[in-house]
Protein backbone atom coordinates (compact mmCIF):
# COMPACT_ATOMS: atom_id res chain seq x y z
CA MET A 1 133.50 91.67 120.13
CA THR A 2 131.94 92.66 116.82
CA ASP A 3 131.30 96.34 116.13
CA ARG A 4 127.60 96.50 115.30
CA SER A 5 128.04 99.71 113.34
CA ASP A 6 130.53 98.12 110.94
CA PRO A 7 129.08 98.83 107.46
CA SER A 8 130.31 95.53 105.99
CA HIS A 9 128.56 93.60 108.78
CA THR A 10 125.35 95.51 108.09
CA SER A 11 125.77 94.87 104.35
CA ASP A 12 126.12 91.11 104.96
CA ILE A 13 122.91 90.98 106.92
CA CYS A 14 121.08 93.24 104.46
CA LEU A 15 122.04 90.97 101.55
CA LEU A 16 120.94 87.88 103.47
CA LEU A 17 117.57 89.45 104.32
CA ARG A 18 116.97 90.77 100.80
CA GLY A 19 117.95 87.44 99.28
CA HIS A 20 115.70 85.56 101.67
CA GLY A 21 112.78 87.87 100.91
CA GLU A 22 113.25 87.49 97.17
CA GLN A 23 113.59 83.71 97.42
CA ARG A 24 110.42 83.42 99.52
CA TRP A 25 108.49 85.63 97.06
CA LEU A 26 109.56 83.52 94.10
CA VAL A 27 108.77 80.22 95.84
CA SER A 28 105.54 81.14 97.63
CA GLU A 29 103.95 83.68 95.27
CA ILE A 30 105.30 83.24 91.75
CA LEU A 31 105.92 79.50 91.39
CA PRO A 32 102.43 78.34 92.48
CA VAL A 33 100.85 80.55 89.80
CA VAL A 34 103.41 79.43 87.22
CA ARG A 35 102.79 75.76 88.00
CA GLN A 36 99.05 76.19 87.69
CA LEU A 37 99.37 78.05 84.38
CA GLU A 38 101.79 75.43 83.01
CA GLN A 39 99.46 72.54 83.83
CA PRO A 40 97.12 72.02 80.86
CA GLY A 41 93.46 72.32 81.75
CA SER A 42 94.04 73.52 85.31
CA ILE A 43 92.61 76.95 84.54
CA PRO A 44 89.47 77.40 82.43
CA GLU A 45 90.20 79.27 79.18
CA ASP A 46 88.03 82.23 80.19
CA GLN A 47 90.15 82.67 83.35
CA ARG A 48 93.54 82.24 81.69
CA GLY A 49 93.83 85.92 80.68
CA PRO A 50 93.20 87.23 84.20
CA ALA A 51 95.59 84.60 85.62
CA LEU A 52 98.32 85.75 83.23
CA SER A 53 97.64 89.37 84.21
CA TYR A 54 97.95 88.40 87.86
CA LEU A 55 101.25 86.65 87.12
CA GLU A 56 102.49 89.77 85.34
CA VAL A 57 101.74 91.93 88.38
CA LEU A 58 103.44 89.43 90.68
CA TRP A 59 106.41 89.34 88.32
CA LEU A 60 106.76 93.13 88.36
CA ASP A 61 107.01 92.94 92.13
CA ALA A 62 109.54 90.11 91.82
CA CYS A 63 111.66 92.28 89.52
CA LEU A 64 111.64 95.08 92.10
CA ARG A 65 112.70 92.62 94.78
CA ALA A 66 115.49 91.37 92.51
CA ALA A 67 116.73 94.92 92.01
CA GLU A 68 116.77 95.46 95.78
CA THR A 69 118.68 92.21 96.28
CA ASP A 70 121.21 93.15 93.63
CA ALA A 71 121.59 96.62 95.16
CA ALA A 72 122.34 95.00 98.53
CA HIS A 73 124.92 92.82 96.77
CA ALA A 74 126.53 95.89 95.21
CA GLN A 75 126.61 97.58 98.62
CA LEU A 76 128.37 94.56 100.09
CA ASP A 77 130.86 94.56 97.21
CA GLY A 78 131.53 98.24 97.84
CA ALA A 79 132.01 97.74 101.58
CA GLY A 80 134.54 94.94 101.15
CA VAL A 81 135.14 92.15 103.64
CA ASN A 82 136.10 94.05 106.76
CA GLY A 83 133.72 92.28 109.09
CA ASN A 84 132.78 88.69 109.56
CA ARG A 85 134.30 86.76 106.64
CA VAL A 86 132.10 83.69 107.21
CA LEU A 87 128.93 85.78 107.21
CA CYS A 88 130.06 87.60 104.06
CA GLU A 89 130.78 84.33 102.25
CA ARG A 90 127.40 82.91 103.26
CA ALA A 91 125.65 86.05 102.06
CA LEU A 92 127.44 85.85 98.71
CA ARG A 93 126.64 82.13 98.29
CA TYR A 94 123.00 82.72 99.19
CA HIS A 95 122.83 85.57 96.70
CA ALA A 96 124.25 83.29 94.00
CA ALA A 97 121.63 80.64 94.81
CA VAL A 98 118.82 83.21 94.66
CA ARG A 99 120.12 84.44 91.30
CA ARG A 100 120.04 80.86 89.95
CA LEU A 101 116.47 80.46 91.19
CA ARG A 102 115.58 83.84 89.68
CA ALA A 103 117.02 82.78 86.32
CA ALA A 104 115.07 79.52 86.32
CA VAL A 105 111.82 81.26 87.23
CA THR A 106 112.47 84.00 84.67
CA GLY A 107 112.56 81.43 81.90
CA ARG A 108 109.25 79.92 82.94
CA VAL A 109 107.53 83.28 83.40
CA THR A 110 108.87 84.50 80.07
CA ARG A 111 107.39 81.50 78.26
CA LEU A 112 104.01 82.08 79.88
CA LEU A 113 103.81 85.84 79.40
CA ALA A 114 105.26 86.12 75.91
CA PRO A 115 103.12 85.07 72.97
CA SER A 116 105.14 83.02 70.50
CA GLY A 117 107.36 85.28 68.43
CA ASP A 118 106.91 88.34 70.71
CA THR A 119 110.45 89.29 71.75
CA SER A 120 109.50 92.60 73.39
CA ALA A 121 107.42 90.79 76.04
CA ARG A 122 110.27 88.37 76.63
CA GLU A 123 112.71 91.22 77.22
CA HIS A 124 110.23 92.81 79.65
CA ALA A 125 109.81 89.56 81.61
CA SER A 126 113.55 88.98 81.89
CA SER A 127 114.34 92.42 83.32
């Protein structure tokens, strides 16, 4: 029987939940806005500024979610694999997949939010 108070077991589940939450936010909230902004003519020019501002607010939330996911990953690393090895491996693989998705979305958001030649905005979007 598995000890439900085992910190590594809790860390596995926490990482899976954080990763899932981040992945859903990126796919359901960020990517639809990014796709619309990337499609020429899909947003009237007078609404492009507010749409970019909206994306920036969504992206700030995404960055907070990423930090929470990475903190859950660090907690799992600190706890070690004392619990369910299969669950731990799945949590780590899922985290890696979410990080790849995050990196891909970061590139797209950075291109949209940063005016050409503005490196400070790019650094802000990638954090």
